[in-house]
Amino acid sequence: MPTTLWRMKACVRNYHVEYVELEKLLKESDIITIHVPYTPQTHHLINASNIKLLKPTAMLINTARGPVVETKALVKVLKEGKLLGGVALDVFEGEEALIEDAYLDRSFSSDMLQNSLLVSYLAKQERVIVKPHNAYNTRDALFRMLSTVVENLRAFLEGKPKNVVHDH
């Protein structure tokens, strides 16, 4: 049995996890926390169509990648008085236009700039927390990341890649 499948079954068994379709998850959950890689399939995973499914009192946390959550849709539901549980973001669309000095001489699309402005709006909202995405920024975490890179390279060179992200 592939390791990923084995881990999923262990989670179901040991932690009473239930895997459900995204629509059911959004309708029934009080807290939605997002932890997915950014791929074409996860772009705007939370979007104008499905964000309406959230309970009015739900909380949304995105620590994945900014474009996984459609910023315009998030602003809209907050203005409608939903997501009373709050929103926590350590990533957001258009973040490179706001946080990276290296991007000062780069031109940005109008969508990216608009998303940056929307995030400025979000950051001022009472029920929104916007913090930097830097959980990795400790000596131990950096060492683990470096060790993982070395292990991945060794495994790849041996023809047994590890930690492969699949687009499904």
N, C-alpha and C. Protein backbone atom coordinates (compact mmCIF):
# COMPACT_ATOMS: atom_id res chain seq x y z
N MET A 1 0.85 -1.18 0.00
CA MET A 1 0.00 0.00 0.00
C MET A 1 0.90 1.24 0.00
N PRO A 2 0.65 2.21 -0.90
CA PRO A 2 1.47 3.42 -0.92
C PRO A 2 1.43 4.14 0.44
N THR A 3 2.54 4.77 0.80
CA THR A 3 2.66 5.42 2.10
C THR A 3 1.57 6.45 2.33
N THR A 4 1.26 7.26 1.33
CA THR A 4 0.24 8.30 1.50
C THR A 4 -1.11 7.68 1.83
N LEU A 5 -1.49 6.63 1.12
CA LEU A 5 -2.76 5.97 1.38
C LEU A 5 -2.76 5.37 2.77
N TRP A 6 -1.66 4.77 3.17
CA TRP A 6 -1.56 4.19 4.51
C TRP A 6 -1.74 5.27 5.58
N ARG A 7 -1.11 6.44 5.38
CA ARG A 7 -1.25 7.54 6.34
C ARG A 7 -2.68 8.03 6.42
N MET A 8 -3.34 8.14 5.25
CA MET A 8 -4.73 8.58 5.24
C MET A 8 -5.60 7.61 6.02
N LYS A 9 -5.43 6.32 5.81
CA LYS A 9 -6.22 5.32 6.52
C LYS A 9 -5.93 5.36 8.01
N ALA A 10 -4.68 5.61 8.37
CA ALA A 10 -4.33 5.71 9.79
C ALA A 10 -5.00 6.91 10.43
N CYS A 11 -5.08 8.03 9.71
CA CYS A 11 -5.77 9.22 10.23
C CYS A 11 -7.24 8.93 10.46
N VAL A 12 -7.86 8.28 9.50
CA VAL A 12 -9.29 7.94 9.63
C VAL A 12 -9.49 7.05 10.85
N ARG A 13 -8.67 6.06 10.99
CA ARG A 13 -8.80 5.08 12.07
C ARG A 13 -8.45 5.70 13.43
N ASN A 14 -7.32 6.37 13.52
CA ASN A 14 -6.83 6.83 14.82
C ASN A 14 -7.43 8.14 15.30
N TYR A 15 -7.84 8.99 14.37
CA TYR A 15 -8.30 10.32 14.76
C TYR A 15 -9.75 10.59 14.36
N HIS A 16 -10.44 9.55 13.94
CA HIS A 16 -11.85 9.66 13.55
C HIS A 16 -12.07 10.74 12.49
N VAL A 17 -11.15 10.77 11.53
CA VAL A 17 -11.23 11.71 10.42
C VAL A 17 -12.22 11.18 9.39
N GLU A 18 -13.01 12.07 8.83
CA GLU A 18 -13.92 11.70 7.75
C GLU A 18 -13.58 12.53 6.53
N TYR A 19 -13.26 11.88 5.42
CA TYR A 19 -12.99 12.59 4.18
C TYR A 19 -14.32 12.87 3.49
N VAL A 20 -14.54 14.13 3.12
CA VAL A 20 -15.79 14.54 2.49
C VAL A 20 -15.48 15.42 1.28
N GLU A 21 -16.46 15.60 0.44
CA GLU A 21 -16.33 16.51 -0.69
C GLU A 21 -16.21 17.94 -0.16
N LEU A 22 -15.56 18.81 -0.93
CA LEU A 22 -15.35 20.18 -0.51
C LEU A 22 -16.66 20.89 -0.18
N GLU A 23 -17.69 20.67 -0.98
CA GLU A 23 -18.98 21.34 -0.74
C GLU A 23 -19.53 21.00 0.64
N LYS A 24 -19.49 19.73 1.01
CA LYS A 24 -19.98 19.31 2.33
C LYS A 24 -19.11 19.91 3.44
N LEU A 25 -17.80 19.90 3.23
CA LEU A 25 -16.89 20.46 4.22
C LEU A 25 -17.21 21.93 4.48
N LEU A 26 -17.40 22.69 3.41
CA LEU A 26 -17.66 24.12 3.56
C LEU A 26 -19.00 24.37 4.23
N LYS A 27 -20.01 23.58 3.93
CA LYS A 27 -21.34 23.76 4.51
C LYS A 27 -21.40 23.42 5.99
N GLU A 28 -20.60 22.43 6.41
CA GLU A 28 -20.76 21.89 7.76
C GLU A 28 -19.70 22.30 8.76
N SER A 29 -18.59 22.85 8.31
CA SER A 29 -17.47 23.11 9.21
C SER A 29 -17.58 24.47 9.89
N ASP A 30 -17.15 24.50 11.14
CA ASP A 30 -17.07 25.76 11.88
C ASP A 30 -15.74 26.46 11.62
N ILE A 31 -14.70 25.66 11.43
CA ILE A 31 -13.37 26.20 11.16
C ILE A 31 -12.81 25.49 9.94
N ILE A 32 -12.39 26.25 8.94
CA ILE A 32 -11.77 25.70 7.74
C ILE A 32 -10.34 26.21 7.71
N THR A 33 -9.39 25.30 7.77
CA THR A 33 -7.98 25.69 7.69
C THR A 33 -7.38 25.00 6.47
N ILE A 34 -6.72 25.76 5.65
CA ILE A 34 -6.28 25.30 4.34
C ILE A 34 -4.79 25.00 4.34
N HIS A 35 -4.46 23.78 3.91
CA HIS A 35 -3.07 23.31 3.85
C HIS A 35 -2.90 22.48 2.58
N VAL A 36 -2.79 23.14 1.46
CA VAL A 36 -2.62 22.45 0.17
C VAL A 36 -1.50 23.12 -0.60
N PRO A 37 -0.85 22.38 -1.49
CA PRO A 37 0.13 23.05 -2.35
C PRO A 37 -0.61 23.91 -3.37
N TYR A 38 0.08 24.90 -3.91
CA TYR A 38 -0.54 25.71 -4.96
C TYR A 38 -0.28 25.06 -6.31
N THR A 39 -1.34 24.66 -6.96
CA THR A 39 -1.28 24.06 -8.29
C THR A 39 -2.41 24.66 -9.11
N PRO A 40 -2.44 24.40 -10.40
CA PRO A 40 -3.59 24.88 -11.19
C PRO A 40 -4.93 24.37 -10.64
N GLN A 41 -4.93 23.18 -10.04
CA GLN A 41 -6.16 22.61 -9.49
C GLN A 41 -6.59 23.28 -8.19
N THR A 42 -5.64 23.87 -7.45
CA THR A 42 -6.00 24.51 -6.18
C THR A 42 -6.13 26.03 -6.31
N HIS A 43 -5.87 26.58 -7.51
CA HIS A 43 -6.05 28.02 -7.72
C HIS A 43 -7.52 28.37 -7.44
N HIS A 44 -7.73 29.30 -6.51
CA HIS A 44 -9.08 29.72 -6.10
C HIS A 44 -9.93 28.51 -5.68
N LEU A 45 -9.31 27.61 -4.94
CA LEU A 45 -10.05 26.49 -4.35
C LEU A 45 -11.24 27.01 -3.56
N ILE A 46 -11.01 28.08 -2.82
CA ILE A 46 -12.10 28.81 -2.15
C ILE A 46 -12.37 30.02 -3.02
N ASN A 47 -13.59 30.09 -3.57
CA ASN A 47 -13.87 31.09 -4.60
C ASN A 47 -15.28 31.67 -4.44
N ALA A 48 -15.64 32.56 -5.35
CA ALA A 48 -16.93 33.24 -5.29
C ALA A 48 -18.10 32.26 -5.32
N SER A 49 -17.94 31.14 -5.99
CA SER A 49 -19.03 30.17 -6.08
C SER A 49 -19.22 29.39 -4.79
N ASN A 50 -18.11 28.96 -4.18
CA ASN A 50 -18.28 28.07 -3.02
C ASN A 50 -18.13 28.75 -1.66
N ILE A 51 -17.61 29.95 -1.61
CA ILE A 51 -17.44 30.62 -0.32
C ILE A 51 -18.80 30.95 0.30
N LYS A 52 -19.82 31.04 -0.56
CA LYS A 52 -21.18 31.31 -0.08
C LYS A 52 -21.73 30.14 0.75
N LEU A 53 -21.13 28.97 0.60
CA LEU A 53 -21.59 27.78 1.32
C LEU A 53 -21.21 27.81 2.80
N LEU A 54 -20.23 28.63 3.16
CA LEU A 54 -19.75 28.67 4.54
C LEU A 54 -20.86 29.12 5.49
N LYS A 55 -20.84 28.55 6.70
CA LYS A 55 -21.74 29.01 7.74
C LYS A 55 -21.44 30.49 8.01
N PRO A 56 -22.45 31.29 8.35
CA PRO A 56 -22.18 32.71 8.64
C PRO A 56 -21.18 32.89 9.79
N THR A 57 -21.11 31.91 10.70
CA THR A 57 -20.25 32.01 11.87
C THR A 57 -18.90 31.30 11.69
N ALA A 58 -18.63 30.83 10.48
CA ALA A 58 -17.40 30.06 10.24
C ALA A 58 -16.15 30.92 10.38
N MET A 59 -15.04 30.22 10.56
CA MET A 59 -13.71 30.85 10.57
C MET A 59 -12.92 30.23 9.43
N LEU A 60 -12.19 31.07 8.69
CA LEU A 60 -11.37 30.61 7.57
C LEU A 60 -9.92 30.97 7.83
N ILE A 61 -9.05 29.96 7.73
CA ILE A 61 -7.62 30.16 7.96
C ILE A 61 -6.88 29.66 6.72
N ASN A 62 -6.06 30.52 6.11
CA ASN A 62 -5.26 30.10 4.96
C ASN A 62 -3.79 30.25 5.30
N THR A 63 -3.11 29.11 5.42
CA THR A 63 -1.65 29.10 5.59
C THR A 63 -0.99 28.36 4.44
N ALA A 64 -1.76 28.14 3.37
CA ALA A 64 -1.24 27.40 2.21
C ALA A 64 -0.49 28.35 1.29
N ARG A 65 -1.18 28.86 0.30
CA ARG A 65 -0.64 29.85 -0.64
C ARG A 65 -1.75 30.85 -0.92
N GLY A 66 -1.39 32.09 -1.18
CA GLY A 66 -2.36 33.15 -1.36
C GLY A 66 -3.44 32.87 -2.39
N PRO A 67 -3.07 32.48 -3.60
CA PRO A 67 -4.08 32.31 -4.65
C PRO A 67 -5.02 31.12 -4.46
N VAL A 68 -4.86 30.38 -3.37
CA VAL A 68 -5.80 29.29 -3.08
C VAL A 68 -7.16 29.88 -2.68
N VAL A 69 -7.15 31.08 -2.11
CA VAL A 69 -8.39 31.76 -1.72
C VAL A 69 -8.56 32.99 -2.60
N GLU A 70 -9.70 33.10 -3.23
CA GLU A 70 -10.00 34.26 -4.08
C GLU A 70 -10.27 35.47 -3.20
N THR A 71 -9.39 36.45 -3.25
CA THR A 71 -9.47 37.61 -2.38
C THR A 71 -10.77 38.40 -2.57
N LYS A 72 -11.18 38.61 -3.81
CA LYS A 72 -12.42 39.37 -4.06
C LYS A 72 -13.60 38.69 -3.39
N ALA A 73 -13.67 37.37 -3.46
CA ALA A 73 -14.77 36.63 -2.84
C ALA A 73 -14.73 36.76 -1.33
N LEU A 74 -13.54 36.74 -0.76
CA LEU A 74 -13.37 36.87 0.68
C LEU A 74 -13.85 38.24 1.15
N VAL A 75 -13.46 39.28 0.46
CA VAL A 75 -13.90 40.63 0.81
C VAL A 75 -15.42 40.73 0.73
N LYS A 76 -15.99 40.16 -0.31
CA LYS A 76 -17.44 40.23 -0.52
C LYS A 76 -18.21 39.60 0.64
N VAL A 77 -17.81 38.38 1.06
CA VAL A 77 -18.56 37.73 2.15
C VAL A 77 -18.36 38.46 3.48
N LEU A 78 -17.20 39.04 3.69
CA LEU A 78 -17.00 39.82 4.91
C LEU A 78 -17.89 41.06 4.91
N LYS A 79 -18.00 41.73 3.77
CA LYS A 79 -18.88 42.90 3.67
C LYS A 79 -20.34 42.52 3.87
N GLU A 80 -20.69 41.28 3.53
CA GLU A 80 -22.06 40.79 3.72
C GLU A 80 -22.32 40.35 5.15
N GLY A 81 -21.32 40.47 6.02
CA GLY A 81 -21.50 40.10 7.41
C GLY A 81 -21.32 38.63 7.71
N LYS A 82 -20.69 37.91 6.81
CA LYS A 82 -20.43 36.48 7.03
C LYS A 82 -19.01 36.30 7.56
N LEU A 83 -18.66 35.06 7.82
CA LEU A 83 -17.37 34.72 8.43
C LEU A 83 -17.19 35.44 9.76
N LEU A 84 -18.23 35.37 10.57
CA LEU A 84 -18.20 36.03 11.88
C LEU A 84 -17.16 35.41 12.80
N GLY A 85 -16.76 34.17 12.52
CA GLY A 85 -15.70 33.54 13.29
C GLY A 85 -14.34 34.14 13.00
N GLY A 86 -14.23 34.82 11.87
CA GLY A 86 -12.99 35.51 11.54
C GLY A 86 -12.23 34.87 10.39
N VAL A 87 -11.19 35.56 10.00
CA VAL A 87 -10.31 35.14 8.92
C VAL A 87 -8.88 35.33 9.40
N ALA A 88 -8.04 34.34 9.15
CA ALA A 88 -6.62 34.46 9.47
C ALA A 88 -5.83 34.10 8.21
N LEU A 89 -4.95 35.00 7.81
CA LEU A 89 -4.15 34.81 6.60
C LEU A 89 -2.69 35.06 6.92
N ASP A 90 -1.85 34.12 6.51
CA ASP A 90 -0.42 34.44 6.52
C ASP A 90 0.11 34.40 5.10
N VAL A 91 -0.80 34.23 4.16
CA VAL A 91 -0.51 34.30 2.72
C VAL A 91 -1.73 34.95 2.06
N PHE A 92 -1.51 35.63 0.95
CA PHE A 92 -2.63 36.25 0.26
C PHE A 92 -2.23 36.59 -1.16
N GLU A 93 -3.25 36.73 -2.01
CA GLU A 93 -3.00 37.09 -3.41
C GLU A 93 -2.39 38.49 -3.47
N GLY A 94 -1.40 38.64 -4.31
CA GLY A 94 -0.79 39.95 -4.50
C GLY A 94 0.24 40.30 -3.45
N GLU A 95 0.61 39.33 -2.60
CA GLU A 95 1.52 39.65 -1.50
C GLU A 95 2.88 40.14 -1.99
N GLU A 96 3.33 39.64 -3.14
CA GLU A 96 4.65 40.06 -3.60
C GLU A 96 4.69 41.55 -3.92
N ALA A 97 3.56 42.15 -4.28
CA ALA A 97 3.52 43.58 -4.56
C ALA A 97 3.61 44.40 -3.28
N LEU A 98 3.33 43.77 -2.15
CA LEU A 98 3.34 44.50 -0.88
C LEU A 98 4.56 44.25 -0.01
N ILE A 99 5.19 43.09 -0.14
CA ILE A 99 6.18 42.72 0.87
C ILE A 99 7.60 42.55 0.37
N GLU A 100 7.82 42.54 -0.90
CA GLU A 100 9.16 42.25 -1.40
C GLU A 100 9.81 43.48 -2.04
N ASP A 101 10.84 44.00 -1.42
CA ASP A 101 11.58 45.12 -1.99
C ASP A 101 12.16 44.76 -3.35
N ALA A 102 12.50 43.49 -3.53
CA ALA A 102 13.10 43.06 -4.78
C ALA A 102 12.16 43.26 -5.97
N TYR A 103 10.87 43.41 -5.68
CA TYR A 103 9.88 43.56 -6.75
C TYR A 103 9.63 45.03 -7.11
N LEU A 104 10.34 45.96 -6.50
CA LEU A 104 10.07 47.38 -6.73
C LEU A 104 10.21 47.80 -8.19
N ASP A 105 11.12 47.18 -8.91
CA ASP A 105 11.32 47.58 -10.30
C ASP A 105 10.55 46.70 -11.28
N ARG A 106 9.67 45.88 -10.76
CA ARG A 106 8.88 44.98 -11.60
C ARG A 106 7.49 45.58 -11.82
N SER A 107 6.92 45.35 -12.97
CA SER A 107 5.55 45.81 -13.19
C SER A 107 4.59 44.68 -12.79
N PHE A 108 3.42 45.06 -12.31
CA PHE A 108 2.44 44.11 -11.83
C PHE A 108 1.18 44.20 -12.65
N SER A 109 0.48 43.08 -12.74
CA SER A 109 -0.81 43.09 -13.44
C SER A 109 -1.82 43.88 -12.62
N SER A 110 -2.84 44.36 -13.28
CA SER A 110 -3.87 45.11 -12.56
C SER A 110 -4.57 44.21 -11.54
N ASP A 111 -4.73 42.92 -11.85
CA ASP A 111 -5.35 41.99 -10.88
C ASP A 111 -4.50 41.88 -9.62
N MET A 112 -3.19 41.76 -9.78
CA MET A 112 -2.32 41.64 -8.61
C MET A 112 -2.39 42.91 -7.76
N LEU A 113 -2.36 44.05 -8.41
CA LEU A 113 -2.43 45.31 -7.66
C LEU A 113 -3.78 45.46 -6.97
N GLN A 114 -4.85 45.06 -7.65
CA GLN A 114 -6.17 45.13 -7.03
C GLN A 114 -6.24 44.21 -5.81
N ASN A 115 -5.69 43.00 -5.94
CA ASN A 115 -5.68 42.09 -4.80
C ASN A 115 -4.86 42.65 -3.65
N SER A 116 -3.76 43.32 -3.95
CA SER A 116 -2.96 43.95 -2.90
C SER A 116 -3.76 45.01 -2.16
N LEU A 117 -4.52 45.79 -2.91
CA LEU A 117 -5.37 46.80 -2.27
C LEU A 117 -6.47 46.16 -1.43
N LEU A 118 -7.02 45.06 -1.94
CA LEU A 118 -8.06 44.36 -1.18
C LEU A 118 -7.50 43.78 0.12
N VAL A 119 -6.27 43.31 0.09
CA VAL A 119 -5.64 42.80 1.31
C VAL A 119 -5.42 43.94 2.30
N SER A 120 -5.10 45.13 1.81
CA SER A 120 -4.98 46.29 2.71
C SER A 120 -6.32 46.54 3.39
N TYR A 121 -7.40 46.41 2.63
CA TYR A 121 -8.74 46.54 3.21
C TYR A 121 -8.97 45.44 4.26
N LEU A 122 -8.63 44.20 3.89
CA LEU A 122 -8.84 43.08 4.82
C LEU A 122 -8.09 43.29 6.13
N ALA A 123 -6.85 43.75 6.03
CA ALA A 123 -6.01 43.91 7.22
C ALA A 123 -6.59 44.90 8.22
N LYS A 124 -7.47 45.77 7.77
CA LYS A 124 -8.09 46.77 8.65
C LYS A 124 -9.39 46.29 9.29
N GLN A 125 -9.84 45.10 8.90
CA GLN A 125 -11.11 44.60 9.40
C GLN A 125 -10.93 43.97 10.77
N GLU A 126 -11.93 44.17 11.61
CA GLU A 126 -11.87 43.68 12.99
C GLU A 126 -11.75 42.16 13.09
N ARG A 127 -12.38 41.44 12.19
CA ARG A 127 -12.40 39.98 12.26
C ARG A 127 -11.34 39.33 11.38
N VAL A 128 -10.33 40.08 10.96
CA VAL A 128 -9.29 39.55 10.07
C VAL A 128 -7.92 39.74 10.71
N ILE A 129 -7.14 38.67 10.64
CA ILE A 129 -5.74 38.73 11.08
C ILE A 129 -4.88 38.44 9.86
N VAL A 130 -3.95 39.33 9.57
CA VAL A 130 -2.99 39.13 8.48
C VAL A 130 -1.60 39.19 9.10
N LYS A 131 -0.86 38.11 9.00
CA LYS A 131 0.47 38.01 9.58
C LYS A 131 1.43 37.45 8.54
N PRO A 132 2.73 37.67 8.71
CA PRO A 132 3.70 37.15 7.74
C PRO A 132 3.78 35.63 7.75
N HIS A 133 4.06 35.08 6.60
CA HIS A 133 4.20 33.64 6.40
C HIS A 133 5.65 33.28 6.69
N ASN A 134 5.99 33.07 7.96
CA ASN A 134 7.39 32.77 8.26
C ASN A 134 7.57 31.74 9.37
N ALA A 135 6.65 30.80 9.46
CA ALA A 135 6.78 29.75 10.47
C ALA A 135 8.06 28.95 10.29
N TYR A 136 8.58 28.92 9.08
CA TYR A 136 9.80 28.19 8.78
C TYR A 136 11.03 28.89 9.33
N ASN A 137 10.90 30.09 9.79
CA ASN A 137 12.05 30.94 10.05
C ASN A 137 12.64 30.73 11.45
N THR A 138 12.95 29.48 11.77
CA THR A 138 13.68 29.16 12.99
C THR A 138 14.87 28.30 12.60
N ARG A 139 15.84 28.23 13.45
CA ARG A 139 17.03 27.42 13.16
C ARG A 139 16.63 25.95 12.95
N ASP A 140 15.78 25.41 13.84
CA ASP A 140 15.37 24.01 13.72
C ASP A 140 14.59 23.76 12.44
N ALA A 141 13.66 24.65 12.12
CA ALA A 141 12.85 24.46 10.90
C ALA A 141 13.73 24.54 9.66
N LEU A 142 14.65 25.48 9.61
CA LEU A 142 15.54 25.60 8.46
C LEU A 142 16.43 24.35 8.32
N PHE A 143 16.90 23.82 9.45
CA PHE A 143 17.70 22.60 9.41
C PHE A 143 16.87 21.43 8.87
N ARG A 144 15.61 21.30 9.34
CA ARG A 144 14.73 20.23 8.85
C ARG A 144 14.47 20.37 7.36
N MET A 145 14.26 21.62 6.91
CA MET A 145 14.03 21.84 5.48
C MET A 145 15.25 21.43 4.67
N LEU A 146 16.43 21.83 5.12
CA LEU A 146 17.65 21.47 4.41
C LEU A 146 17.83 19.96 4.40
N SER A 147 17.58 19.30 5.53
CA SER A 147 17.68 17.84 5.60
C SER A 147 16.71 17.18 4.64
N THR A 148 15.50 17.70 4.55
CA THR A 148 14.50 17.15 3.64
C THR A 148 14.94 17.30 2.19
N VAL A 149 15.53 18.44 1.85
CA VAL A 149 16.03 18.65 0.49
C VAL A 149 17.11 17.63 0.17
N VAL A 150 18.03 17.43 1.08
CA VAL A 150 19.12 16.46 0.86
C VAL A 150 18.54 15.06 0.72
N GLU A 151 17.60 14.67 1.59
CA GLU A 151 16.97 13.35 1.50
C GLU A 151 16.23 13.19 0.18
N ASN A 152 15.52 14.23 -0.25
CA ASN A 152 14.80 14.17 -1.52
C ASN A 152 15.76 14.00 -2.69
N LEU A 153 16.86 14.72 -2.69
CA LEU A 153 17.85 14.60 -3.76
C LEU A 153 18.44 13.19 -3.80
N ARG A 154 18.79 12.66 -2.64
CA ARG A 154 19.35 11.30 -2.59
C ARG A 154 18.33 10.30 -3.14
N ALA A 155 17.09 10.40 -2.69
CA ALA A 155 16.05 9.48 -3.13
C ALA A 155 15.82 9.60 -4.64
N PHE A 156 15.82 10.82 -5.15
CA PHE A 156 15.63 11.03 -6.58
C PHE A 156 16.76 10.38 -7.37
N LEU A 157 17.99 10.61 -6.93
CA LEU A 157 19.14 10.04 -7.63
C LEU A 157 19.14 8.52 -7.57
N GLU A 158 18.51 7.95 -6.55
CA GLU A 158 18.40 6.49 -6.43
C GLU A 158 17.19 5.95 -7.18
N GLY A 159 16.43 6.87 -7.84
CA GLY A 159 15.26 6.44 -8.59
C GLY A 159 14.03 6.18 -7.74
N LYS A 160 14.03 6.70 -6.52
CA LYS A 160 12.91 6.50 -5.59
C LYS A 160 12.48 7.85 -5.02
N PRO A 161 11.91 8.73 -5.84
CA PRO A 161 11.57 10.08 -5.36
C PRO A 161 10.65 10.05 -4.13
N LYS A 162 10.88 11.00 -3.24
CA LYS A 162 10.06 11.16 -2.04
C LYS A 162 9.38 12.51 -2.06
N ASN A 163 8.32 12.64 -1.29
CA ASN A 163 7.61 13.92 -1.13
C ASN A 163 7.19 14.52 -2.46
N VAL A 164 6.69 13.70 -3.34
CA VAL A 164 6.26 14.14 -4.66
C VAL A 164 4.86 14.72 -4.57
N VAL A 165 4.65 15.91 -5.12
CA VAL A 165 3.33 16.52 -5.17
C VAL A 165 2.69 16.15 -6.50
N HIS A 166 1.54 15.54 -6.45
CA HIS A 166 0.84 15.11 -7.65
C HIS A 166 -0.30 16.07 -7.95
N ASP A 167 -0.49 16.41 -9.20
CA ASP A 167 -1.64 17.21 -9.62
C ASP A 167 -2.78 16.25 -9.91
N HIS A 168 -3.80 16.29 -9.08
CA HIS A 168 -4.96 15.39 -9.28
C HIS A 168 -6.15 16.20 -9.67
